[in-house]
C-alpha atoms as a PDB file:
ATOM      1  CA  UNK A   1      12.847  85.364  26.845  1.00  0.00           C
ATOM      2  CA  UNK A   2      14.713  83.818  28.933  1.00  0.00           C
ATOM      3  CA  UNK A   3      12.038  81.040  29.484  1.00  0.00           C
ATOM      4  CA  UNK A   4      11.373  80.760  25.917  1.00  0.00           C
ATOM      5  CA  UNK A   5      15.024  80.097  25.269  1.00  0.00           C
ATOM      6  CA  UNK A   6      14.884  77.649  28.201  1.00  0.00           C
ATOM      7  CA  UNK A   7      12.019  75.844  26.674  1.00  0.00           C
ATOM      8  CA  UNK A   8      13.592  75.445  22.926  1.00  0.00           C
ATOM      9  CA  UNK A   9      16.783  73.947  24.937  1.00  0.00           C
ATOM     10  CA  UNK A  10      14.730  71.503  26.714  1.00  0.00           C
ATOM     11  CA  UNK A  11      12.675  70.741  23.572  1.00  0.00           C
ATOM     12  CA  UNK A  12      15.901  70.165  21.939  1.00  0.00           C
ATOM     13  CA  UNK A  13      17.147  68.028  24.221  1.00  0.00           C
ATOM     14  CA  UNK A  14      14.178  65.853  24.541  1.00  0.00           C
ATOM     15  CA  UNK A  15      14.342  65.368  20.548  1.00  0.00           C
ATOM     16  CA  UNK A  16      18.145  64.439  20.832  1.00  0.00           C
ATOM     17  CA  UNK A  17      17.446  61.915  23.836  1.00  0.00           C
ATOM     18  CA  UNK A  18      14.644  60.209  21.730  1.00  0.00           C
ATOM     19  CA  UNK A  19      16.831  59.898  18.840  1.00  0.00           C
ATOM     20  CA  UNK A  20      19.778  58.266  20.933  1.00  0.00           C
ATOM     21  CA  UNK A  21      17.537  55.839  22.507  1.00  0.00           C
ATOM     22  CA  UNK A  22      16.116  55.092  19.132  1.00  0.00           C
ATOM     23  CA  UNK A  23      19.616  54.356  17.698  1.00  0.00           C
ATOM     24  CA  UNK A  24      20.276  52.015  20.735  1.00  0.00           C
ATOM     25  CA  UNK A  25      17.120  50.239  20.448  1.00  0.00           C
ATOM     26  CA  UNK A  26      17.674  49.712  16.645  1.00  0.00           C
ATOM     27  CA  UNK A  27      21.174  48.188  17.642  1.00  0.00           C
ATOM     28  CA  UNK A  28      19.704  45.454  19.622  1.00  0.00           C
ATOM     29  CA  UNK A  29      18.451  42.255  18.731  1.00  0.00           C
ATOM     30  CA  UNK A  30      14.740  42.762  17.617  1.00  0.00           C
ATOM     31  CA  UNK A  31      11.518  40.517  15.994  1.00  0.00           C
ATOM     32  CA  UNK A  32      11.444  40.750  12.432  1.00  0.00           C
ATOM     33  CA  UNK A  33       8.650  40.562  10.071  1.00  0.00           C
ATOM     34  CA  UNK A  34       8.941  38.288   7.044  1.00  0.00           C
ATOM     35  CA  UNK A  35       6.717  39.647   3.870  1.00  0.00           C
ATOM     36  CA  UNK A  36       5.831  37.755   0.646  1.00  0.00           C
ATOM     37  CA  UNK A  37       3.523  37.940  -2.241  1.00  0.00           C
ATOM     38  CA  UNK A  38       3.370  35.903  -5.543  1.00  0.00           C
ATOM     39  CA  UNK A  39       0.584  34.357  -7.911  1.00  0.00           C
ATOM     40  CA  UNK A  40       0.034  30.749  -7.340  1.00  0.00           C
ATOM     41  CA  UNK A  41      -0.047  28.964 -10.705  1.00  0.00           C
ATOM     42  CA  UNK A  42      -1.598  25.778 -11.794  1.00  0.00           C
ATOM     43  CA  UNK A  43      -3.772  24.084 -10.320  1.00  0.00           C
ATOM     44  CA  UNK A  44      -5.175  27.554  -9.319  1.00  0.00           C
ATOM     45  CA  UNK A  45      -4.345  30.050 -12.073  1.00  0.00           C
ATOM     46  CA  UNK A  46      -6.887  32.514 -10.561  1.00  0.00           C
ATOM     47  CA  UNK A  47      -5.295  32.477  -7.173  1.00  0.00           C
ATOM     48  CA  UNK A  48      -2.642  34.910  -5.502  1.00  0.00           C
ATOM     49  CA  UNK A  49      -1.413  34.567  -2.058  1.00  0.00           C
ATOM     50  CA  UNK A  50       0.562  36.806   0.175  1.00  0.00           C
ATOM     51  CA  UNK A  51       1.523  36.678   3.843  1.00  0.00           C
ATOM     52  CA  UNK A  52       3.580  37.557   6.714  1.00  0.00           C
ATOM     53  CA  UNK A  53       5.373  36.061   9.904  1.00  0.00           C
ATOM     54  CA  UNK A  54       6.862  37.352  12.644  1.00  0.00           C
ATOM     55  CA  UNK A  55      10.050  36.217  14.269  1.00  0.00           C
ATOM     56  CA  UNK A  56      11.260  36.401  17.640  1.00  0.00           C
ATOM     57  CA  UNK A  57      14.691  36.150  18.317  1.00  0.00           C
ATOM     58  CA  UNK A  58      14.506  36.114  21.834  1.00  0.00           C
ATOM     59  CA  UNK A  59      17.977  37.220  23.585  1.00  0.00           C
ATOM     60  CA  UNK A  60      20.212  35.804  20.686  1.00  0.00           C
ATOM     61  CA  UNK A  61      23.219  38.097  19.817  1.00  0.00           C
ATOM     62  CA  UNK A  62      25.010  35.971  17.540  1.00  0.00           C
ATOM     63  CA  UNK A  63      25.224  36.558  13.778  1.00  0.00           C
ATOM     64  CA  UNK A  64      26.113  34.466  10.773  1.00  0.00           C
ATOM     65  CA  UNK A  65      24.163  30.858  10.163  1.00  0.00           C
ATOM     66  CA  UNK A  66      22.495  30.461  13.585  1.00  0.00           C
ATOM     67  CA  UNK A  67      20.629  27.056  14.318  1.00  0.00           C
ATOM     68  CA  UNK A  68      17.382  26.907  16.567  1.00  0.00           C
ATOM     69  CA  UNK A  69      18.254  23.585  17.510  1.00  0.00           C
ATOM     70  CA  UNK A  70      21.895  23.657  18.821  1.00  0.00           C
ATOM     71  CA  UNK A  71      24.099  26.439  20.741  1.00  0.00           C
ATOM     72  CA  UNK A  72      24.566  29.242  20.207  1.00  0.00           C
ATOM     73  CA  UNK A  73      21.002  30.523  20.413  1.00  0.00           C
ATOM     74  CA  UNK A  74      19.393  27.015  20.757  1.00  0.00           C
ATOM     75  CA  UNK A  75      15.530  27.622  21.084  1.00  0.00           C
ATOM     76  CA  UNK A  76      15.562  31.568  20.805  1.00  0.00           C
ATOM     77  CA  UNK A  77      14.023  31.910  17.579  1.00  0.00           C
ATOM     78  CA  UNK A  78      10.165  31.583  17.597  1.00  0.00           C
ATOM     79  CA  UNK A  79       7.341  32.335  15.485  1.00  0.00           C
ATOM     80  CA  UNK A  80       5.022  34.746  17.275  1.00  0.00           C
ATOM     81  CA  UNK A  81       2.142  34.946  14.415  1.00  0.00           C
ATOM     82  CA  UNK A  82       2.035  34.148  10.735  1.00  0.00           C
ATOM     83  CA  UNK A  83      -0.797  34.930   8.416  1.00  0.00           C
ATOM     84  CA  UNK A  84      -1.755  33.803   5.184  1.00  0.00           C
ATOM     85  CA  UNK A  85      -3.745  35.590   2.452  1.00  0.00           C
ATOM     86  CA  UNK A  86      -5.526  34.230  -0.514  1.00  0.00           C
ATOM     87  CA  UNK A  87      -7.285  36.123  -3.058  1.00  0.00           C
ATOM     88  CA  UNK A  88      -8.509  36.172  -6.688  1.00  0.00           C
ATOM     89  CA  UNK A  89      -6.498  37.506  -9.040  1.00  0.00           C
ATOM     90  CA  UNK A  90      -9.489  38.578 -11.321  1.00  0.00           C
ATOM     91  CA  UNK A  91     -11.238  40.171  -8.326  1.00  0.00           C
ATOM     92  CA  UNK A  92      -8.820  41.171  -5.638  1.00  0.00           C
ATOM     93  CA  UNK A  93     -12.082  41.807  -3.313  1.00  0.00           C
ATOM     94  CA  UNK A  94     -12.542  38.375  -2.935  1.00  0.00           C
ATOM     95  CA  UNK A  95      -9.997  37.127  -0.591  1.00  0.00           C
ATOM     96  CA  UNK A  96      -9.327  35.515   3.223  1.00  0.00           C
ATOM     97  CA  UNK A  97      -6.499  35.639   5.793  1.00  0.00           C
ATOM     98  CA  UNK A  98      -6.035  32.292   7.306  1.00  0.00           C
ATOM     99  CA  UNK A  99      -4.036  32.399  10.834  1.00  0.00           C
ATOM    100  CA  UNK A 100      -1.089  29.775  10.700  1.00  0.00           C
ATOM    101  CA  UNK A 101       0.289  27.936  13.633  1.00  0.00           C
ATOM    102  CA  UNK A 102       2.536  24.907  14.470  1.00  0.00           C
ATOM    103  CA  UNK A 103       5.892  25.893  12.582  1.00  0.00           C
ATOM    104  CA  UNK A 104       9.239  25.736  14.288  1.00  0.00           C
ATOM    105  CA  UNK A 105      12.107  28.022  12.895  1.00  0.00           C
ATOM    106  CA  UNK A 106      14.843  25.784  12.085  1.00  0.00           C
ATOM    107  CA  UNK A 107      17.724  28.343  11.762  1.00  0.00           C
ATOM    108  CA  UNK A 108      18.336  31.989  10.305  1.00  0.00           C
ATOM    109  CA  UNK A 109      21.013  33.869   8.436  1.00  0.00           C
ATOM    110  CA  UNK A 110      22.011  37.158   9.187  1.00  0.00           C
ATOM    111  CA  UNK A 111      25.093  39.783   9.193  1.00  0.00           C
ATOM    112  CA  UNK A 112      23.761  41.698  12.486  1.00  0.00           C
ATOM    113  CA  UNK A 113      21.463  42.237  15.164  1.00  0.00           C
ATOM    114  CA  UNK A 114      18.939  44.485  13.483  1.00  0.00           C
ATOM    115  CA  UNK A 115      16.130  43.183  11.196  1.00  0.00           C
ATOM    116  CA  UNK A 116      17.809  44.882   7.951  1.00  0.00           C
ATOM    117  CA  UNK A 117      20.828  42.378   8.343  1.00  0.00           C
ATOM    118  CA  UNK A 118      18.399  39.362   7.864  1.00  0.00           C
ATOM    119  CA  UNK A 119      19.293  37.152   5.020  1.00  0.00           C
ATOM    120  CA  UNK A 120      17.059  34.479   5.368  1.00  0.00           C
ATOM    121  CA  UNK A 121      15.214  31.757   7.563  1.00  0.00           C
ATOM    122  CA  UNK A 122      14.258  28.085   7.444  1.00  0.00           C
ATOM    123  CA  UNK A 123      11.285  26.407   9.117  1.00  0.00           C
ATOM    124  CA  UNK A 124       9.094  23.334   9.518  1.00  0.00           C
ATOM    125  CA  UNK A 125       6.114  23.365   7.766  1.00  0.00           C
ATOM    126  CA  UNK A 126       2.942  25.619   9.164  1.00  0.00           C
ATOM    127  CA  UNK A 127      -0.117  23.482  10.084  1.00  0.00           C
ATOM    128  CA  UNK A 128      -2.275  23.126   6.734  1.00  0.00           C
ATOM    129  CA  UNK A 129      -5.442  25.257   6.786  1.00  0.00           C
ATOM    130  CA  UNK A 130      -8.314  24.878   4.756  1.00  0.00           C
ATOM    131  CA  UNK A 131      -9.364  27.604   2.210  1.00  0.00           C
ATOM    132  CA  UNK A 132     -12.894  29.269   1.723  1.00  0.00           C
ATOM    133  CA  UNK A 133     -12.934  31.169  -1.354  1.00  0.00           C
ATOM    134  CA  UNK A 134     -13.532  30.180  -4.860  1.00  0.00           C
ATOM    135  CA  UNK A 135     -10.167  30.776  -6.285  1.00  0.00           C
ATOM    136  CA  UNK A 136      -8.811  28.138  -3.912  1.00  0.00           C
ATOM    137  CA  UNK A 137     -11.125  25.318  -4.779  1.00  0.00           C
ATOM    138  CA  UNK A 138      -9.948  22.084  -6.183  1.00  0.00           C
ATOM    139  CA  UNK A 139     -12.746  20.288  -7.710  1.00  0.00           C
ATOM    140  CA  UNK A 140     -15.954  20.324  -5.774  1.00  0.00           C
ATOM    141  CA  UNK A 141     -13.876  20.765  -2.616  1.00  0.00           C
ATOM    142  CA  UNK A 142     -11.545  23.485  -0.708  1.00  0.00           C
ATOM    143  CA  UNK A 143      -7.961  22.870  -0.803  1.00  0.00           C
ATOM    144  CA  UNK A 144      -6.028  23.203   2.304  1.00  0.00           C
ATOM    145  CA  UNK A 145      -2.755  25.375   2.262  1.00  0.00           C
ATOM    146  CA  UNK A 146       0.515  25.409   4.372  1.00  0.00           C
ATOM    147  CA  UNK A 147       3.710  27.466   3.931  1.00  0.00           C
ATOM    148  CA  UNK A 148       7.245  26.432   4.363  1.00  0.00           C
ATOM    149  CA  UNK A 149      10.188  28.829   4.566  1.00  0.00           C
ATOM    150  CA  UNK A 150      12.784  26.743   2.871  1.00  0.00           C
ATOM    151  CA  UNK A 151      15.832  28.679   3.471  1.00  0.00           C
ATOM    152  CA  UNK A 152      17.369  32.101   2.028  1.00  0.00           C
ATOM    153  CA  UNK A 153      14.737  34.324   1.290  1.00  0.00           C
ATOM    154  CA  UNK A 154      12.408  31.790  -0.294  1.00  0.00           C
ATOM    155  CA  UNK A 155       8.900  30.948   0.719  1.00  0.00           C
ATOM    156  CA  UNK A 156       6.887  28.051  -0.683  1.00  0.00           C
ATOM    157  CA  UNK A 157       3.192  27.439  -0.516  1.00  0.00           C
ATOM    158  CA  UNK A 158       1.860  24.099  -0.600  1.00  0.00           C
ATOM    159  CA  UNK A 159      -1.798  22.582  -1.118  1.00  0.00           C
ATOM    160  CA  UNK A 160      -3.709  19.403  -0.357  1.00  0.00           C
ATOM    161  CA  UNK A 161      -6.858  18.166  -1.704  1.00  0.00           C
ATOM    162  CA  UNK A 162      -8.003  16.592   1.699  1.00  0.00           C
ATOM    163  CA  UNK A 163      -6.664  17.661   5.071  1.00  0.00           C
ATOM    164  CA  UNK A 164      -3.117  15.983   5.332  1.00  0.00           C
ATOM    165  CA  UNK A 165      -3.269  15.636   9.269  1.00  0.00           C
ATOM    166  CA  UNK A 166      -0.065  15.148  11.071  1.00  0.00           C
ATOM    167  CA  UNK A 167       1.231  13.182   8.215  1.00  0.00           C
ATOM    168  CA  UNK A 168       2.544  16.029   6.641  1.00  0.00           C
ATOM    169  CA  UNK A 169       3.969  17.707   9.765  1.00  0.00           C
ATOM    170  CA  UNK A 170       7.451  15.849   8.792  1.00  0.00           C
ATOM    171  CA  UNK A 171       9.108  18.318   6.635  1.00  0.00           C
ATOM    172  CA  UNK A 172      10.775  15.315   4.355  1.00  0.00           C
ATOM    173  CA  UNK A 173       7.196  14.177   3.486  1.00  0.00           C
ATOM    174  CA  UNK A 174       6.537  17.528   1.756  1.00  0.00           C
ATOM    175  CA  UNK A 175       9.271  16.487  -0.602  1.00  0.00           C
ATOM    176  CA  UNK A 176       6.773  14.103  -2.326  1.00  0.00           C
ATOM    177  CA  UNK A 177       4.521  16.940  -2.889  1.00  0.00           C
ATOM    178  CA  UNK A 178       7.605  19.081  -4.003  1.00  0.00           C
ATOM    179  CA  UNK A 179       6.685  20.207  -7.539  1.00  0.00           C
ATOM    180  CA  UNK A 180       3.620  22.253  -9.061  1.00  0.00           C
ATOM    181  CA  UNK A 181       0.654  20.782 -10.174  1.00  0.00           C
ATOM    182  CA  UNK A 182      -0.961  18.038  -8.928  1.00  0.00           C
ATOM    183  CA  UNK A 183       0.816  15.266  -7.461  1.00  0.00           C
ATOM    184  CA  UNK A 184      -0.749  11.550  -6.160  1.00  0.00           C
ATOM    185  CA  UNK A 185       0.617  10.898  -2.654  1.00  0.00           C
ATOM    186  CA  UNK A 186      -1.272   8.081  -0.711  1.00  0.00           C
ATOM    187  CA  UNK A 187      -4.510   8.791  -0.881  1.00  0.00           C
ATOM    188  CA  UNK A 188      -4.052  12.373  -1.188  1.00  0.00           C
ATOM    189  CA  UNK A 189      -3.488  14.876  -4.032  1.00  0.00           C
ATOM    190  CA  UNK A 190      -0.982  17.799  -3.417  1.00  0.00           C
ATOM    191  CA  UNK A 191       1.455  20.361  -4.899  1.00  0.00           C
ATOM    192  CA  UNK A 192       3.274  23.366  -4.415  1.00  0.00           C
ATOM    193  CA  UNK A 193       2.858  26.918  -5.911  1.00  0.00           C
ATOM    194  CA  UNK A 194       4.531  27.159  -9.510  1.00  0.00           C
ATOM    195  CA  UNK A 195       6.151  30.748  -8.003  1.00  0.00           C
ATOM    196  CA  UNK A 196       8.449  30.794  -5.072  1.00  0.00           C
ATOM    197  CA  UNK A 197       7.976  33.667  -3.126  1.00  0.00           C
ATOM    198  CA  UNK A 198      10.829  36.000  -2.156  1.00  0.00           C
ATOM    199  CA  UNK A 199      10.636  37.165   1.501  1.00  0.00           C
ATOM    200  CA  UNK A 200      11.776  40.711   2.471  1.00  0.00           C
ATOM    201  CA  UNK A 201      12.586  41.589   6.269  1.00  0.00           C
ATOM    202  CA  UNK A 202      11.298  44.419   8.018  1.00  0.00           C
ATOM    203  CA  UNK A 203      11.578  45.628  11.702  1.00  0.00           C
ATOM    204  CA  UNK A 204       8.333  45.244  14.098  1.00  0.00           C
ATOM    205  CA  UNK A 205       8.027  47.957  16.623  1.00  0.00           C
ATOM    206  CA  UNK A 206       8.508  47.234  19.838  1.00  0.00           C
ATOM    207  CA  UNK A 207       6.018  48.731  22.576  1.00  0.00           C
ATOM    208  CA  UNK A 208       9.023  50.720  24.016  1.00  0.00           C
ATOM    209  CA  UNK A 209       9.149  52.123  20.424  1.00  0.00           C
ATOM    210  CA  UNK A 210       5.345  53.409  20.603  1.00  0.00           C
ATOM    211  CA  UNK A 211       5.871  54.256  24.202  1.00  0.00           C
ATOM    212  CA  UNK A 212       8.702  56.588  23.392  1.00  0.00           C
ATOM    213  CA  UNK A 213       6.758  57.916  20.509  1.00  0.00           C
ATOM    214  CA  UNK A 214       3.722  58.849  22.601  1.00  0.00           C
ATOM    215  CA  UNK A 215       6.006  60.520  24.970  1.00  0.00           C
ATOM    216  CA  UNK A 216       7.924  62.555  21.825  1.00  0.00           C
ATOM    217  CA  UNK A 217       4.439  63.708  20.938  1.00  0.00           C
ATOM    218  CA  UNK A 218       3.396  64.785  24.433  1.00  0.00           C
ATOM    219  CA  UNK A 219       6.458  66.861  24.995  1.00  0.00           C
ATOM    220  CA  UNK A 220       5.649  68.639  21.515  1.00  0.00           C
ATOM    221  CA  UNK A 221       2.267  68.986  22.569  1.00  0.00           C
ATOM    222  CA  UNK A 222       3.012  70.615  26.042  1.00  0.00           C
ATOM    223  CA  UNK A 223       5.361  73.063  24.503  1.00  0.00           C
ATOM    224  CA  UNK A 224       2.782  74.057  21.886  1.00  0.00           C
ATOM    225  CA  UNK A 225       0.129  74.686  24.784  1.00  0.00           C
ATOM    226  CA  UNK A 226       2.851  76.792  26.812  1.00  0.00           C
ATOM    227  CA  UNK A 227       3.638  78.585  23.916  1.00  0.00           C
ATOM    228  CA  UNK A 228      -0.166  79.383  22.935  1.00  0.00           C
ATOM    229  CA  UNK A 229      -1.016  80.321  26.681  1.00  0.00           C
ATOM    230  CA  UNK A 230       2.258  82.878  26.675  1.00  0.00           C
ATOM    231  CA  UNK A 231       0.937  84.589  23.441  1.00  0.00           C
ATOM    232  CA  UNK A 232      -2.334  85.083  24.930  1.00  0.00           C
ATOM    233  CA  UNK A 233      -0.627  87.094  27.738  1.00  0.00           C
END
């Protein structure tokens, strides 16, 4: 009886410690996943786009409107990855996922350090990437697409008939393509999504969280084996 009581005590203690560590981890600054999904609109009526971007805030502990270019927290916020999914509305099985690079976080707004307390982010445009599915074709060619986080929870998708190159890496240049439809800009044609995405923010599990979960499951399995071996006797 005593060993069984001791086992239960140790088990409860392990659960309590794991919960405490989880609460401490949640109170610290952590990576944030930004998720969004709207239909595009003209000139791609059969196109739906969705995506996510993971933001690391480094060791920044400031709240409110935090700039990535000036103190406090200058240079702390970075994109660790970003993906754009394009799919057919009529046939969702036709889709592609594009890896996005080249964007710089300009600033974020948050009321606390946990991902749930993020209110928004703004960033420079991601490098345009060419599509491959029919729903994202413009005439006889495949369009190029670029995401822009424009502040708050708004995410905008821009398109270009031809590869815009580095000319469109300047955020102010995007103003020329800043309305839905087809806009001539130099020798190129471009525009933006009719529908602006509304971003949501969610935590990204840290490796330590996975390790903690694995350790907890290991403790449960160990006690289960002990119990089975005791009953076998």
